[in-house]
Amino acid sequence: MQHYRMTKLALSKRGSLTLPPALRRKLGLDKPRNPLLLVEERDLPKAQIQAWIARDEADMEAFRAEGKAKKK
């Protein structure tokens, strides 16, 4: 099972995102020499995205169930 952290980011009306300081440090973006990022956009089939979402949701349910079982 993969362990990951998900962070919610607010999108402004102008399309700006603000990364929390801890995430900027983790990604090495806290003191960039050139404040530009390269974002790769890919065309993925909707079925593939839905399969990833379903897998992630199943993993989270299993993770939660494991935590509840340990508490008992």
C-alpha atoms as a PDB file:
ATOM      1  CA  MET A   1       0.000   0.000   0.000  1.00  0.00           C
ATOM      2  CA  GLN A   2       1.294   3.434  -0.881  1.00  0.00           C
ATOM      3  CA  HIS A   3       1.362   6.131   1.762  1.00  0.00           C
ATOM      4  CA  TYR A   4       0.739   9.629   0.580  1.00  0.00           C
ATOM      5  CA  ARG A   5      -0.412  12.961   1.825  1.00  0.00           C
ATOM      6  CA  MET A   6      -3.029  15.014   0.067  1.00  0.00           C
ATOM      7  CA  THR A   7      -3.094  18.778   0.402  1.00  0.00           C
ATOM      8  CA  LYS A   8      -6.025  20.967  -0.564  1.00  0.00           C
ATOM      9  CA  LEU A   9      -5.071  24.133  -2.406  1.00  0.00           C
ATOM     10  CA  ALA A  10      -7.381  27.078  -2.942  1.00  0.00           C
ATOM     11  CA  LEU A  11      -7.603  28.370  -6.491  1.00  0.00           C
ATOM     12  CA  SER A  12      -8.134  32.117  -6.758  1.00  0.00           C
ATOM     13  CA  LYS A  13     -10.465  33.729  -9.301  1.00  0.00           C
ATOM     14  CA  ARG A  14      -7.360  34.621 -11.304  1.00  0.00           C
ATOM     15  CA  GLY A  15      -6.139  31.012 -11.271  1.00  0.00           C
ATOM     16  CA  SER A  16      -3.409  31.437  -8.666  1.00  0.00           C
ATOM     17  CA  LEU A  17      -2.447  28.651  -6.277  1.00  0.00           C
ATOM     18  CA  THR A  18      -0.662  29.181  -2.975  1.00  0.00           C
ATOM     19  CA  LEU A  19       1.484  26.313  -1.741  1.00  0.00           C
ATOM     20  CA  PRO A  20       1.796  26.003   2.044  1.00  0.00           C
ATOM     21  CA  PRO A  21       5.321  26.726   3.364  1.00  0.00           C
ATOM     22  CA  ALA A  22       5.946  23.122   4.464  1.00  0.00           C
ATOM     23  CA  LEU A  23       5.077  21.838   0.988  1.00  0.00           C
ATOM     24  CA  ARG A  24       7.291  24.466  -0.672  1.00  0.00           C
ATOM     25  CA  ARG A  25      10.211  23.368   1.516  1.00  0.00           C
ATOM     26  CA  LYS A  26       9.556  19.684   0.837  1.00  0.00           C
ATOM     27  CA  LEU A  27       9.521  20.307  -2.927  1.00  0.00           C
ATOM     28  CA  GLY A  28      12.566  22.567  -2.765  1.00  0.00           C
ATOM     29  CA  LEU A  29      10.550  25.619  -3.799  1.00  0.00           C
ATOM     30  CA  ASP A  30      11.146  27.713  -0.696  1.00  0.00           C
ATOM     31  CA  LYS A  31      13.975  29.748  -2.247  1.00  0.00           C
ATOM     32  CA  PRO A  32      13.835  29.282  -6.018  1.00  0.00           C
ATOM     33  CA  ARG A  33      16.430  31.037  -8.143  1.00  0.00           C
ATOM     34  CA  ASN A  34      13.918  31.231 -10.976  1.00  0.00           C
ATOM     35  CA  PRO A  35      10.302  31.439  -9.754  1.00  0.00           C
ATOM     36  CA  LEU A  36       8.840  29.514 -12.694  1.00  0.00           C
ATOM     37  CA  LEU A  37       7.467  25.982 -12.670  1.00  0.00           C
ATOM     38  CA  LEU A  38       7.026  23.620 -15.561  1.00  0.00           C
ATOM     39  CA  VAL A  39       3.671  21.821 -15.474  1.00  0.00           C
ATOM     40  CA  GLU A  40       3.119  18.859 -17.736  1.00  0.00           C
ATOM     41  CA  GLU A  41      -0.417  18.397 -18.997  1.00  0.00           C
ATOM     42  CA  ARG A  42      -1.457  15.001 -20.255  1.00  0.00           C
ATOM     43  CA  ASP A  43      -4.577  13.834 -21.988  1.00  0.00           C
ATOM     44  CA  LEU A  44      -5.677  10.792 -20.048  1.00  0.00           C
ATOM     45  CA  PRO A  45      -8.715   8.666 -20.763  1.00  0.00           C
ATOM     46  CA  LYS A  46     -11.548   9.420 -18.331  1.00  0.00           C
ATOM     47  CA  ALA A  47     -11.807   5.693 -17.528  1.00  0.00           C
ATOM     48  CA  GLN A  48      -8.163   5.668 -16.397  1.00  0.00           C
ATOM     49  CA  ILE A  49      -8.697   8.634 -14.088  1.00  0.00           C
ATOM     50  CA  GLN A  50     -11.833   7.035 -12.636  1.00  0.00           C
ATOM     51  CA  ALA A  51      -9.920   3.773 -12.053  1.00  0.00           C
ATOM     52  CA  TRP A  52      -7.189   5.677 -10.168  1.00  0.00           C
ATOM     53  CA  ILE A  53      -9.784   7.461  -8.045  1.00  0.00           C
ATOM     54  CA  ALA A  54     -11.558   4.179  -7.256  1.00  0.00           C
ATOM     55  CA  ARG A  55      -8.238   2.556  -6.291  1.00  0.00           C
ATOM     56  CA  ASP A  56      -7.285   5.507  -4.075  1.00  0.00           C
ATOM     57  CA  GLU A  57     -10.689   5.449  -2.364  1.00  0.00           C
ATOM     58  CA  ALA A  58     -10.391   1.688  -1.771  1.00  0.00           C
ATOM     59  CA  ASP A  59      -6.889   2.165  -0.341  1.00  0.00           C
ATOM     60  CA  MET A  60      -8.184   4.887   2.025  1.00  0.00           C
ATOM     61  CA  GLU A  61     -11.039   2.658   3.197  1.00  0.00           C
ATOM     62  CA  ALA A  62      -8.593  -0.181   3.865  1.00  0.00           C
ATOM     63  CA  PHE A  63      -6.299   2.219   5.722  1.00  0.00           C
ATOM     64  CA  ARG A  64      -9.160   3.502   7.876  1.00  0.00           C
ATOM     65  CA  ALA A  65     -10.401  -0.033   8.592  1.00  0.00           C
ATOM     66  CA  GLU A  66      -6.877  -1.064   9.620  1.00  0.00           C
ATOM     67  CA  GLY A  67      -6.687   1.869  12.025  1.00  0.00           C
ATOM     68  CA  LYS A  68     -10.068   1.038  13.567  1.00  0.00           C
ATOM     69  CA  ALA A  69      -9.079  -2.637  13.964  1.00  0.00           C
ATOM     70  CA  LYS A  70      -5.890  -1.629  15.829  1.00  0.00           C
ATOM     71  CA  LYS A  71      -7.882   0.555  18.268  1.00  0.00           C
ATOM     72  CA  LYS A  72     -10.117  -2.371  19.316  1.00  0.00           C
END
